[in-house]
Amino acid sequence: MEDGLKKRTRKQPPTQRQKEYAAGRIASPRKTKKDVALEAGYPESMAAHATTHIENSKGVQEILQSAITKAGITDEFIAKRMKEGCDAVYKSGDTDFKERREMIDLVLETTGKKAAQQHEHSGKVGLYQILEESFGE
């Protein structure tokens, strides 16, 4: 029993297909996950559900996270860009409400507050309350 436990807890390196999938996602971000999976050699049945069967695997996540880190995309960098999106304006100086709403939605989703707020308020997000809590304003 002890040997079986060791095998399950031992860290497995990413497979060749996982490496090819991750490389394809990075090199061709406009391609669908399904197309990238098929090109990496995954069967149609797995490629049709690439997010759950491939993208969320530990091997692929490890490769993608490493690439993100090497590119210098830190949590602080992401937070700064999100804040900029929350303050978006057009070149004319007019407020870009569409971009701001989309960025606020992304911030709420990323922080897990969107789902919690929707559940608490039956689909109505307390935006001003969340912003005050999140940004201390």
N, C-alpha and C. Protein backbone atom coordinates (compact mmCIF):
# COMPACT_ATOMS: atom_id res chain seq x y z
N MET A 1 0.83 -1.20 0.00
CA MET A 1 0.00 0.00 0.00
C MET A 1 0.87 1.26 0.00
N GLU A 2 1.98 1.17 0.70
CA GLU A 2 2.85 2.32 0.79
C GLU A 2 3.42 2.70 -0.57
N ASP A 3 3.78 1.70 -1.40
CA ASP A 3 4.31 1.98 -2.74
C ASP A 3 3.27 2.68 -3.61
N GLY A 4 2.00 2.25 -3.50
CA GLY A 4 0.94 2.87 -4.27
C GLY A 4 0.76 4.32 -3.91
N LEU A 5 0.89 4.64 -2.64
CA LEU A 5 0.75 6.02 -2.17
C LEU A 5 1.88 6.87 -2.73
N LYS A 6 3.08 6.32 -2.74
CA LYS A 6 4.21 7.07 -3.27
C LYS A 6 4.02 7.38 -4.75
N LYS A 7 3.49 6.44 -5.51
CA LYS A 7 3.28 6.66 -6.94
C LYS A 7 2.26 7.76 -7.18
N ARG A 8 1.22 7.80 -6.37
CA ARG A 8 0.18 8.81 -6.57
C ARG A 8 0.63 10.21 -6.15
N THR A 9 1.49 10.30 -5.16
CA THR A 9 1.91 11.61 -4.67
C THR A 9 3.17 12.12 -5.37
N ARG A 10 3.89 11.24 -6.08
CA ARG A 10 5.09 11.65 -6.78
C ARG A 10 4.71 12.58 -7.94
N LYS A 11 5.46 13.64 -8.07
CA LYS A 11 5.18 14.61 -9.14
C LYS A 11 5.58 14.04 -10.49
N GLN A 12 4.63 13.99 -11.41
CA GLN A 12 4.88 13.49 -12.76
C GLN A 12 5.22 14.67 -13.67
N PRO A 13 6.26 14.53 -14.49
CA PRO A 13 6.56 15.61 -15.43
C PRO A 13 5.48 15.68 -16.50
N PRO A 14 5.31 16.83 -17.12
CA PRO A 14 4.32 16.95 -18.20
C PRO A 14 4.64 15.97 -19.33
N THR A 15 3.60 15.42 -19.93
CA THR A 15 3.77 14.51 -21.05
C THR A 15 4.14 15.29 -22.31
N GLN A 16 4.58 14.58 -23.33
CA GLN A 16 4.93 15.22 -24.59
C GLN A 16 3.70 15.92 -25.20
N ARG A 17 2.54 15.26 -25.14
CA ARG A 17 1.32 15.90 -25.68
C ARG A 17 0.96 17.15 -24.89
N GLN A 18 1.12 17.11 -23.56
CA GLN A 18 0.85 18.30 -22.75
C GLN A 18 1.79 19.44 -23.14
N LYS A 19 3.05 19.11 -23.36
CA LYS A 19 4.02 20.13 -23.79
C LYS A 19 3.63 20.73 -25.14
N GLU A 20 3.23 19.86 -26.07
CA GLU A 20 2.83 20.34 -27.39
C GLU A 20 1.55 21.17 -27.32
N TYR A 21 0.62 20.74 -26.48
CA TYR A 21 -0.62 21.50 -26.31
C TYR A 21 -0.31 22.89 -25.76
N ALA A 22 0.48 22.95 -24.68
CA ALA A 22 0.81 24.24 -24.07
C ALA A 22 1.56 25.13 -25.06
N ALA A 23 2.49 24.56 -25.80
CA ALA A 23 3.23 25.34 -26.80
C ALA A 23 2.29 25.88 -27.86
N GLY A 24 1.32 25.07 -28.27
CA GLY A 24 0.34 25.51 -29.25
C GLY A 24 -0.56 26.62 -28.73
N ARG A 25 -0.95 26.53 -27.47
CA ARG A 25 -1.80 27.57 -26.88
C ARG A 25 -1.05 28.89 -26.80
N ILE A 26 0.24 28.82 -26.49
CA ILE A 26 1.05 30.04 -26.38
C ILE A 26 1.32 30.61 -27.76
N ALA A 27 1.68 29.76 -28.71
CA ALA A 27 2.03 30.21 -30.05
C ALA A 27 0.83 30.68 -30.87
N SER A 28 -0.32 30.09 -30.63
CA SER A 28 -1.51 30.40 -31.43
C SER A 28 -2.73 30.67 -30.55
N PRO A 29 -2.73 31.78 -29.82
CA PRO A 29 -3.82 32.05 -28.89
C PRO A 29 -5.19 32.23 -29.55
N ARG A 30 -5.22 32.46 -30.85
CA ARG A 30 -6.51 32.65 -31.53
C ARG A 30 -7.12 31.33 -32.00
N LYS A 31 -6.32 30.29 -32.00
CA LYS A 31 -6.86 28.98 -32.36
C LYS A 31 -7.73 28.48 -31.22
N THR A 32 -8.69 27.66 -31.55
CA THR A 32 -9.52 27.09 -30.50
C THR A 32 -8.71 26.05 -29.72
N LYS A 33 -9.11 25.83 -28.48
CA LYS A 33 -8.44 24.82 -27.65
C LYS A 33 -8.58 23.45 -28.30
N LYS A 34 -9.71 23.21 -28.93
CA LYS A 34 -9.93 21.93 -29.60
C LYS A 34 -8.92 21.74 -30.72
N ASP A 35 -8.74 22.75 -31.56
CA ASP A 35 -7.80 22.65 -32.67
C ASP A 35 -6.37 22.42 -32.18
N VAL A 36 -5.98 23.13 -31.13
CA VAL A 36 -4.64 22.97 -30.57
C VAL A 36 -4.48 21.55 -30.02
N ALA A 37 -5.50 21.05 -29.35
CA ALA A 37 -5.45 19.70 -28.79
C ALA A 37 -5.30 18.66 -29.89
N LEU A 38 -6.06 18.82 -30.98
CA LEU A 38 -5.95 17.87 -32.10
C LEU A 38 -4.55 17.91 -32.71
N GLU A 39 -4.00 19.11 -32.87
CA GLU A 39 -2.65 19.25 -33.42
C GLU A 39 -1.60 18.63 -32.51
N ALA A 40 -1.87 18.63 -31.19
CA ALA A 40 -0.93 18.05 -30.23
C ALA A 40 -1.05 16.53 -30.16
N GLY A 41 -2.03 15.97 -30.88
CA GLY A 41 -2.16 14.53 -30.93
C GLY A 41 -3.21 13.93 -30.00
N TYR A 42 -4.03 14.77 -29.41
CA TYR A 42 -5.09 14.25 -28.56
C TYR A 42 -6.23 13.71 -29.42
N PRO A 43 -6.93 12.68 -28.95
CA PRO A 43 -8.06 12.16 -29.71
C PRO A 43 -9.23 13.16 -29.70
N GLU A 44 -10.08 13.04 -30.67
CA GLU A 44 -11.25 13.92 -30.82
C GLU A 44 -12.07 13.99 -29.53
N SER A 45 -12.25 12.85 -28.86
CA SER A 45 -13.08 12.82 -27.65
C SER A 45 -12.50 13.71 -26.54
N MET A 46 -11.18 13.77 -26.43
CA MET A 46 -10.55 14.64 -25.43
C MET A 46 -10.50 16.08 -25.93
N ALA A 47 -10.21 16.25 -27.20
CA ALA A 47 -10.10 17.59 -27.77
C ALA A 47 -11.42 18.34 -27.69
N ALA A 48 -12.52 17.62 -27.79
CA ALA A 48 -13.84 18.26 -27.72
C ALA A 48 -14.10 18.86 -26.35
N HIS A 49 -13.38 18.38 -25.35
CA HIS A 49 -13.52 18.89 -23.97
C HIS A 49 -12.14 19.28 -23.46
N ALA A 50 -11.42 20.06 -24.27
CA ALA A 50 -10.02 20.39 -23.99
C ALA A 50 -9.83 21.11 -22.65
N THR A 51 -10.75 21.97 -22.28
CA THR A 51 -10.58 22.70 -21.03
C THR A 51 -10.54 21.75 -19.85
N THR A 52 -11.53 20.88 -19.74
CA THR A 52 -11.59 20.00 -18.58
C THR A 52 -10.61 18.85 -18.64
N HIS A 53 -10.36 18.30 -19.83
CA HIS A 53 -9.50 17.13 -19.94
C HIS A 53 -8.02 17.46 -20.13
N ILE A 54 -7.71 18.63 -20.66
CA ILE A 54 -6.32 18.94 -20.99
C ILE A 54 -5.85 20.22 -20.29
N GLU A 55 -6.54 21.31 -20.55
CA GLU A 55 -6.12 22.63 -20.05
C GLU A 55 -5.98 22.66 -18.53
N ASN A 56 -6.86 22.00 -17.82
CA ASN A 56 -6.83 22.04 -16.35
C ASN A 56 -5.91 20.99 -15.73
N SER A 57 -5.21 20.21 -16.56
CA SER A 57 -4.30 19.19 -16.01
C SER A 57 -3.11 19.88 -15.35
N LYS A 58 -2.55 19.21 -14.35
CA LYS A 58 -1.41 19.77 -13.63
C LYS A 58 -0.23 20.04 -14.55
N GLY A 59 0.03 19.13 -15.49
CA GLY A 59 1.16 19.31 -16.40
C GLY A 59 1.03 20.55 -17.26
N VAL A 60 -0.13 20.74 -17.87
CA VAL A 60 -0.35 21.91 -18.73
C VAL A 60 -0.35 23.19 -17.90
N GLN A 61 -0.99 23.16 -16.74
CA GLN A 61 -1.01 24.34 -15.88
C GLN A 61 0.40 24.73 -15.45
N GLU A 62 1.22 23.74 -15.15
CA GLU A 62 2.62 24.00 -14.77
C GLU A 62 3.38 24.69 -15.91
N ILE A 63 3.21 24.19 -17.11
CA ILE A 63 3.90 24.77 -18.28
C ILE A 63 3.42 26.19 -18.54
N LEU A 64 2.11 26.40 -18.53
CA LEU A 64 1.55 27.74 -18.80
C LEU A 64 1.97 28.73 -17.71
N GLN A 65 1.93 28.29 -16.45
CA GLN A 65 2.32 29.18 -15.36
C GLN A 65 3.79 29.57 -15.48
N SER A 66 4.63 28.63 -15.86
CA SER A 66 6.05 28.91 -16.05
C SER A 66 6.26 29.94 -17.16
N ALA A 67 5.52 29.79 -18.27
CA ALA A 67 5.63 30.73 -19.38
C ALA A 67 5.17 32.12 -18.97
N ILE A 68 4.10 32.18 -18.20
CA ILE A 68 3.59 33.47 -17.73
C ILE A 68 4.61 34.16 -16.83
N THR A 69 5.21 33.40 -15.93
CA THR A 69 6.21 33.94 -15.02
C THR A 69 7.43 34.44 -15.79
N LYS A 70 7.90 33.63 -16.76
CA LYS A 70 9.06 34.03 -17.57
C LYS A 70 8.78 35.29 -18.36
N ALA A 71 7.52 35.51 -18.73
CA ALA A 71 7.16 36.72 -19.50
C ALA A 71 7.05 37.95 -18.60
N GLY A 72 7.20 37.76 -17.29
CA GLY A 72 7.15 38.89 -16.37
C GLY A 72 5.74 39.31 -15.98
N ILE A 73 4.78 38.43 -16.20
CA ILE A 73 3.40 38.75 -15.85
C ILE A 73 3.14 38.27 -14.43
N THR A 74 3.28 39.19 -13.50
CA THR A 74 3.10 38.90 -12.09
C THR A 74 1.69 39.26 -11.65
N ASP A 75 1.34 38.88 -10.44
CA ASP A 75 0.03 39.26 -9.90
C ASP A 75 -0.11 40.78 -9.84
N GLU A 76 0.99 41.46 -9.50
CA GLU A 76 0.96 42.92 -9.42
C GLU A 76 0.73 43.54 -10.80
N PHE A 77 1.38 42.98 -11.82
CA PHE A 77 1.20 43.45 -13.19
C PHE A 77 -0.26 43.31 -13.61
N ILE A 78 -0.85 42.14 -13.34
CA ILE A 78 -2.24 41.90 -13.70
C ILE A 78 -3.16 42.86 -12.96
N ALA A 79 -2.93 43.04 -11.67
CA ALA A 79 -3.76 43.95 -10.88
C ALA A 79 -3.67 45.38 -11.42
N LYS A 80 -2.49 45.80 -11.81
CA LYS A 80 -2.31 47.14 -12.36
C LYS A 80 -3.11 47.31 -13.65
N ARG A 81 -3.03 46.31 -14.53
CA ARG A 81 -3.77 46.38 -15.79
C ARG A 81 -5.28 46.37 -15.55
N MET A 82 -5.72 45.59 -14.58
CA MET A 82 -7.15 45.57 -14.25
C MET A 82 -7.59 46.94 -13.74
N LYS A 83 -6.77 47.55 -12.91
CA LYS A 83 -7.10 48.88 -12.39
C LYS A 83 -7.18 49.88 -13.53
N GLU A 84 -6.25 49.79 -14.48
CA GLU A 84 -6.29 50.68 -15.64
C GLU A 84 -7.58 50.48 -16.43
N GLY A 85 -8.00 49.24 -16.58
CA GLY A 85 -9.25 48.95 -17.28
C GLY A 85 -10.46 49.51 -16.55
N CYS A 86 -10.39 49.52 -15.23
CA CYS A 86 -11.50 50.06 -14.43
C CYS A 86 -11.60 51.58 -14.58
N ASP A 87 -10.52 52.21 -15.02
CA ASP A 87 -10.49 53.66 -15.21
C ASP A 87 -10.48 54.04 -16.69
N ALA A 88 -10.88 53.14 -17.58
CA ALA A 88 -10.75 53.33 -19.02
C ALA A 88 -11.49 54.55 -19.54
N VAL A 89 -10.82 55.25 -20.46
CA VAL A 89 -11.42 56.38 -21.17
C VAL A 89 -11.03 56.28 -22.64
N TYR A 90 -11.85 56.86 -23.49
CA TYR A 90 -11.52 56.95 -24.91
C TYR A 90 -10.46 58.01 -25.11
N LYS A 91 -9.84 58.01 -26.30
CA LYS A 91 -8.84 59.03 -26.61
C LYS A 91 -9.42 60.43 -26.51
N SER A 92 -10.73 60.53 -26.74
CA SER A 92 -11.40 61.83 -26.66
C SER A 92 -11.54 62.32 -25.22
N GLY A 93 -11.29 61.42 -24.26
CA GLY A 93 -11.43 61.79 -22.86
C GLY A 93 -12.75 61.34 -22.25
N ASP A 94 -13.67 60.87 -23.09
CA ASP A 94 -14.95 60.37 -22.60
C ASP A 94 -14.76 59.03 -21.89
N THR A 95 -15.56 58.79 -20.89
CA THR A 95 -15.49 57.55 -20.13
C THR A 95 -15.91 56.36 -21.00
N ASP A 96 -15.11 55.31 -20.97
CA ASP A 96 -15.42 54.08 -21.70
C ASP A 96 -16.15 53.14 -20.74
N PHE A 97 -17.46 53.34 -20.61
CA PHE A 97 -18.25 52.56 -19.66
C PHE A 97 -18.27 51.07 -19.99
N LYS A 98 -18.28 50.74 -21.28
CA LYS A 98 -18.30 49.33 -21.68
C LYS A 98 -17.04 48.62 -21.18
N GLU A 99 -15.89 49.20 -21.43
CA GLU A 99 -14.63 48.62 -20.98
C GLU A 99 -14.58 48.53 -19.46
N ARG A 100 -15.04 49.57 -18.80
CA ARG A 100 -15.04 49.57 -17.34
C ARG A 100 -15.93 48.46 -16.78
N ARG A 101 -17.13 48.29 -17.36
CA ARG A 101 -18.03 47.22 -16.90
C ARG A 101 -17.40 45.85 -17.12
N GLU A 102 -16.80 45.66 -18.29
CA GLU A 102 -16.17 44.38 -18.58
C GLU A 102 -15.01 44.10 -17.62
N MET A 103 -14.23 45.13 -17.32
CA MET A 103 -13.09 44.93 -16.43
C MET A 103 -13.57 44.68 -15.00
N ILE A 104 -14.59 45.39 -14.56
CA ILE A 104 -15.14 45.15 -13.23
C ILE A 104 -15.66 43.72 -13.14
N ASP A 105 -16.32 43.26 -14.19
CA ASP A 105 -16.82 41.89 -14.23
C ASP A 105 -15.66 40.90 -14.13
N LEU A 106 -14.56 41.16 -14.84
CA LEU A 106 -13.40 40.30 -14.79
C LEU A 106 -12.77 40.31 -13.40
N VAL A 107 -12.68 41.49 -12.79
CA VAL A 107 -12.12 41.60 -11.43
C VAL A 107 -12.97 40.79 -10.46
N LEU A 108 -14.28 40.93 -10.54
CA LEU A 108 -15.17 40.20 -9.64
C LEU A 108 -15.05 38.70 -9.85
N GLU A 109 -14.97 38.29 -11.10
CA GLU A 109 -14.84 36.86 -11.41
C GLU A 109 -13.51 36.32 -10.92
N THR A 110 -12.44 37.07 -11.16
CA THR A 110 -11.09 36.65 -10.77
C THR A 110 -10.95 36.53 -9.26
N THR A 111 -11.55 37.44 -8.54
CA THR A 111 -11.42 37.43 -7.08
C THR A 111 -12.43 36.51 -6.41
N GLY A 112 -13.34 35.94 -7.19
CA GLY A 112 -14.34 35.05 -6.61
C GLY A 112 -15.51 35.78 -5.98
N LYS A 113 -15.52 37.09 -6.10
CA LYS A 113 -16.59 37.88 -5.47
C LYS A 113 -17.85 37.90 -6.31
N LYS A 114 -17.72 37.69 -7.60
CA LYS A 114 -18.89 37.72 -8.47
C LYS A 114 -19.85 36.61 -8.12
N ALA A 115 -19.35 35.39 -8.04
CA ALA A 115 -20.21 34.25 -7.73
C ALA A 115 -20.82 34.39 -6.34
N ALA A 116 -20.02 34.82 -5.38
CA ALA A 116 -20.53 34.97 -4.01
C ALA A 116 -21.60 36.05 -3.94
N GLN A 117 -21.36 37.16 -4.60
CA GLN A 117 -22.33 38.24 -4.59
C GLN A 117 -23.60 37.85 -5.33
N GLN A 118 -23.47 37.14 -6.44
CA GLN A 118 -24.66 36.73 -7.18
C GLN A 118 -25.50 35.78 -6.36
N HIS A 119 -24.85 34.90 -5.62
CA HIS A 119 -25.59 33.96 -4.79
C HIS A 119 -26.30 34.70 -3.65
N GLU A 120 -25.59 35.61 -3.01
CA GLU A 120 -26.17 36.35 -1.88
C GLU A 120 -27.32 37.25 -2.30
N HIS A 121 -27.23 37.82 -3.47
CA HIS A 121 -28.22 38.80 -3.91
C HIS A 121 -29.11 38.28 -5.03
N SER A 122 -29.15 37.00 -5.19
CA SER A 122 -29.98 36.38 -6.24
C SER A 122 -29.70 36.98 -7.61
N GLY A 123 -28.44 37.12 -7.96
CA GLY A 123 -28.07 37.62 -9.28
C GLY A 123 -27.77 39.11 -9.32
N LYS A 124 -28.01 39.83 -8.24
CA LYS A 124 -27.73 41.26 -8.22
C LYS A 124 -26.42 41.49 -7.48
N VAL A 125 -25.42 41.98 -8.20
CA VAL A 125 -24.11 42.22 -7.61
C VAL A 125 -24.10 43.61 -6.98
N GLY A 126 -23.66 43.70 -5.74
CA GLY A 126 -23.51 44.97 -5.05
C GLY A 126 -22.20 45.61 -5.46
N LEU A 127 -22.17 46.20 -6.64
CA LEU A 127 -20.94 46.68 -7.25
C LEU A 127 -20.21 47.72 -6.40
N TYR A 128 -20.89 48.72 -5.92
CA TYR A 128 -20.22 49.76 -5.15
C TYR A 128 -19.64 49.22 -3.86
N GLN A 129 -20.37 48.32 -3.22
CA GLN A 129 -19.86 47.71 -2.00
C GLN A 129 -18.61 46.89 -2.29
N ILE A 130 -18.62 46.14 -3.36
CA ILE A 130 -17.47 45.30 -3.72
C ILE A 130 -16.27 46.17 -4.07
N LEU A 131 -16.51 47.25 -4.81
CA LEU A 131 -15.42 48.13 -5.17
C LEU A 131 -14.81 48.79 -3.94
N GLU A 132 -15.65 49.21 -3.03
CA GLU A 132 -15.14 49.82 -1.79
C GLU A 132 -14.28 48.82 -1.03
N GLU A 133 -14.73 47.59 -0.92
CA GLU A 133 -13.98 46.56 -0.21
C GLU A 133 -12.69 46.22 -0.95
N SER A 134 -12.75 46.14 -2.27
CA SER A 134 -11.61 45.71 -3.07
C SER A 134 -10.54 46.78 -3.19
N PHE A 135 -10.94 48.02 -3.40
CA PHE A 135 -9.98 49.08 -3.67
C PHE A 135 -9.84 50.08 -2.53
N GLY A 136 -10.60 49.87 -1.47
CA GLY A 136 -10.51 50.74 -0.31
C GLY A 136 -10.96 52.15 -0.57
N GLU A 137 -11.87 52.30 -1.51
CA GLU A 137 -12.36 53.66 -1.84
C GLU A 137 -13.66 53.94 -1.14
